[in-house]
Amino acid sequence: MAEIRFSPALIGAACNLSEADLRARVAEWAALKRGASNMTLIDDGVSVELGPDQLAADVADLAAREADCCPFYAFTLAIDGASRRLSITAGQGGQPAVRALLGMFQ
């Protein structure tokens, strides 16, 4: 398993989670990214097309917990038949924060 990397500056600065909780949360977002069938950059964020094995309820729970922790993120879960898409934004110029959340460093 690859090591999960994040900036230590997040702990106590931009994030109110403990280091252990932050590592667990980053792992959850990494799992969401791995299961996604497609990810597209959108204005101020990223749109994630969920894979067939990703349950909308689990994704909604993760998004709700992240919104409680980091209220600058906005999450929209769209369900259209078998198609499910999570859009994540962080306000004007917030795409770098969303990309970091999803581990999209390039």
C-alpha atoms as a PDB file:
ATOM      1  CA  MET A   1       0.000   0.000   0.000  1.00  0.00           C
ATOM      2  CA  ALA A   2       1.371   3.420  -0.943  1.00  0.00           C
ATOM      3  CA  GLU A   3       2.024   5.894   1.816  1.00  0.00           C
ATOM      4  CA  ILE A   4      -0.552   8.656   2.054  1.00  0.00           C
ATOM      5  CA  ARG A   5       1.182  12.016   1.832  1.00  0.00           C
ATOM      6  CA  PHE A   6      -0.164  15.325   3.021  1.00  0.00           C
ATOM      7  CA  SER A   7       1.255  18.559   4.237  1.00  0.00           C
ATOM      8  CA  PRO A   8       1.854  18.660   8.010  1.00  0.00           C
ATOM      9  CA  ALA A   9       0.720  22.286   7.786  1.00  0.00           C
ATOM     10  CA  LEU A  10      -2.848  20.996   7.435  1.00  0.00           C
ATOM     11  CA  ILE A  11      -2.877  19.692  10.993  1.00  0.00           C
ATOM     12  CA  GLY A  12      -4.066  22.438  13.289  1.00  0.00           C
ATOM     13  CA  ALA A  13      -3.938  25.097  10.572  1.00  0.00           C
ATOM     14  CA  ALA A  14      -6.510  24.482   7.855  1.00  0.00           C
ATOM     15  CA  CYS A  15      -7.871  21.281   9.364  1.00  0.00           C
ATOM     16  CA  ASN A  16      -9.295  20.579  12.804  1.00  0.00           C
ATOM     17  CA  LEU A  17      -8.849  16.785  12.599  1.00  0.00           C
ATOM     18  CA  SER A  18      -6.200  14.980  14.601  1.00  0.00           C
ATOM     19  CA  GLU A  19      -3.309  13.537  12.632  1.00  0.00           C
ATOM     20  CA  ALA A  20      -4.791  10.021  12.860  1.00  0.00           C
ATOM     21  CA  ASP A  21      -8.243  11.218  11.785  1.00  0.00           C
ATOM     22  CA  LEU A  22      -6.736  13.265   8.957  1.00  0.00           C
ATOM     23  CA  ARG A  23      -4.834  10.227   7.678  1.00  0.00           C
ATOM     24  CA  ALA A  24      -8.050   8.165   7.783  1.00  0.00           C
ATOM     25  CA  ARG A  25      -9.993  10.879   5.942  1.00  0.00           C
ATOM     26  CA  VAL A  26      -7.301  11.243   3.273  1.00  0.00           C
ATOM     27  CA  ALA A  27      -7.463   7.464   2.810  1.00  0.00           C
ATOM     28  CA  GLU A  28     -11.235   7.687   2.282  1.00  0.00           C
ATOM     29  CA  TRP A  29     -10.798  10.326  -0.426  1.00  0.00           C
ATOM     30  CA  ALA A  30      -8.035   8.253  -2.036  1.00  0.00           C
ATOM     31  CA  ALA A  31     -10.404   5.258  -2.138  1.00  0.00           C
ATOM     32  CA  LEU A  32     -13.108   7.417  -3.733  1.00  0.00           C
ATOM     33  CA  LYS A  33     -10.609   8.566  -6.358  1.00  0.00           C
ATOM     34  CA  ARG A  34      -9.461   4.982  -7.066  1.00  0.00           C
ATOM     35  CA  GLY A  35     -13.052   3.824  -7.543  1.00  0.00           C
ATOM     36  CA  ALA A  36     -14.053   6.704  -9.787  1.00  0.00           C
ATOM     37  CA  SER A  37     -14.631   5.959 -13.435  1.00  0.00           C
ATOM     38  CA  ASN A  38     -13.719   9.511 -14.493  1.00  0.00           C
ATOM     39  CA  MET A  39     -12.658  12.835 -12.987  1.00  0.00           C
ATOM     40  CA  THR A  40     -13.034  16.159 -14.772  1.00  0.00           C
ATOM     41  CA  LEU A  41     -11.779  19.608 -13.807  1.00  0.00           C
ATOM     42  CA  ILE A  42     -14.636  22.120 -13.563  1.00  0.00           C
ATOM     43  CA  ASP A  43     -14.730  25.792 -12.586  1.00  0.00           C
ATOM     44  CA  ASP A  44     -13.365  26.032  -9.035  1.00  0.00           C
ATOM     45  CA  GLY A  45     -13.327  22.265  -8.548  1.00  0.00           C
ATOM     46  CA  VAL A  46     -13.564  18.712  -9.784  1.00  0.00           C
ATOM     47  CA  SER A  47     -16.433  16.514 -10.972  1.00  0.00           C
ATOM     48  CA  VAL A  48     -16.090  12.839 -10.073  1.00  0.00           C
ATOM     49  CA  GLU A  49     -18.042  10.198 -11.975  1.00  0.00           C
ATOM     50  CA  LEU A  50     -18.578   7.445  -9.434  1.00  0.00           C
ATOM     51  CA  GLY A  51     -17.758   3.877 -10.314  1.00  0.00           C
ATOM     52  CA  PRO A  52     -20.440   1.184 -10.313  1.00  0.00           C
ATOM     53  CA  ASP A  53     -19.293  -0.187  -6.936  1.00  0.00           C
ATOM     54  CA  GLN A  54     -19.401   3.163  -5.141  1.00  0.00           C
ATOM     55  CA  LEU A  55     -22.579   3.560  -3.099  1.00  0.00           C
ATOM     56  CA  ALA A  56     -24.152   7.010  -3.223  1.00  0.00           C
ATOM     57  CA  ALA A  57     -24.982   6.809   0.502  1.00  0.00           C
ATOM     58  CA  ASP A  58     -21.327   6.211   1.393  1.00  0.00           C
ATOM     59  CA  VAL A  59     -20.197   9.082  -0.830  1.00  0.00           C
ATOM     60  CA  ALA A  60     -22.854  11.381   0.670  1.00  0.00           C
ATOM     61  CA  ASP A  61     -21.685  10.441   4.178  1.00  0.00           C
ATOM     62  CA  LEU A  62     -18.048  11.214   3.316  1.00  0.00           C
ATOM     63  CA  ALA A  63     -19.023  14.536   1.726  1.00  0.00           C
ATOM     64  CA  ALA A  64     -21.158  15.509   4.745  1.00  0.00           C
ATOM     65  CA  ARG A  65     -18.339  14.750   7.186  1.00  0.00           C
ATOM     66  CA  GLU A  66     -15.890  16.734   5.055  1.00  0.00           C
ATOM     67  CA  ALA A  67     -18.310  19.682   4.878  1.00  0.00           C
ATOM     68  CA  ASP A  68     -18.561  19.648   8.689  1.00  0.00           C
ATOM     69  CA  CYS A  69     -14.769  19.719   8.952  1.00  0.00           C
ATOM     70  CA  CYS A  70     -13.968  22.079   6.073  1.00  0.00           C
ATOM     71  CA  PRO A  71     -17.000  24.261   5.320  1.00  0.00           C
ATOM     72  CA  PHE A  72     -15.298  26.003   2.376  1.00  0.00           C
ATOM     73  CA  TYR A  73     -15.948  22.892   0.254  1.00  0.00           C
ATOM     74  CA  ALA A  74     -19.309  22.519  -1.500  1.00  0.00           C
ATOM     75  CA  PHE A  75     -20.505  19.067  -2.576  1.00  0.00           C
ATOM     76  CA  THR A  76     -23.256  18.225  -5.058  1.00  0.00           C
ATOM     77  CA  LEU A  77     -24.237  14.604  -5.585  1.00  0.00           C
ATOM     78  CA  ALA A  78     -26.233  14.093  -8.775  1.00  0.00           C
ATOM     79  CA  ILE A  79     -27.997  10.802  -9.450  1.00  0.00           C
ATOM     80  CA  ASP A  80     -29.446  10.248 -12.926  1.00  0.00           C
ATOM     81  CA  GLY A  81     -30.405   6.635 -13.411  1.00  0.00           C
ATOM     82  CA  ALA A  82     -27.236   4.571 -13.185  1.00  0.00           C
ATOM     83  CA  SER A  83     -25.061   7.676 -13.523  1.00  0.00           C
ATOM     84  CA  ARG A  84     -23.809   9.189 -10.268  1.00  0.00           C
ATOM     85  CA  ARG A  85     -21.549  12.231 -10.104  1.00  0.00           C
ATOM     86  CA  LEU A  86     -20.061  14.131  -7.184  1.00  0.00           C
ATOM     87  CA  SER A  87     -19.082  17.717  -7.909  1.00  0.00           C
ATOM     88  CA  ILE A  88     -16.722  19.332  -5.411  1.00  0.00           C
ATOM     89  CA  THR A  89     -15.979  23.047  -5.419  1.00  0.00           C
ATOM     90  CA  ALA A  90     -14.273  25.429  -3.033  1.00  0.00           C
ATOM     91  CA  GLY A  91     -15.312  28.872  -4.200  1.00  0.00           C
ATOM     92  CA  GLN A  92     -13.617  31.166  -6.670  1.00  0.00           C
ATOM     93  CA  GLY A  93     -10.049  30.007  -7.241  1.00  0.00           C
ATOM     94  CA  GLY A  94     -10.629  26.940  -5.070  1.00  0.00           C
ATOM     95  CA  GLN A  95      -9.725  24.286  -7.614  1.00  0.00           C
ATOM     96  CA  PRO A  96      -6.249  23.727  -6.038  1.00  0.00           C
ATOM     97  CA  ALA A  97      -7.889  22.910  -2.677  1.00  0.00           C
ATOM     98  CA  VAL A  98     -10.242  20.418  -4.334  1.00  0.00           C
ATOM     99  CA  ARG A  99      -7.410  18.858  -6.307  1.00  0.00           C
ATOM    100  CA  ALA A 100      -5.427  18.477  -3.060  1.00  0.00           C
ATOM    101  CA  LEU A 101      -8.424  16.851  -1.356  1.00  0.00           C
ATOM    102  CA  LEU A 102      -8.496  14.251  -4.131  1.00  0.00           C
ATOM    103  CA  GLY A 103      -4.734  13.802  -4.277  1.00  0.00           C
ATOM    104  CA  MET A 104      -4.501  15.338  -7.755  1.00  0.00           C
ATOM    105  CA  PHE A 105      -1.108  16.981  -7.340  1.00  0.00           C
ATOM    106  CA  GLN A 106      -0.230  17.246 -11.018  1.00  0.00           C
END
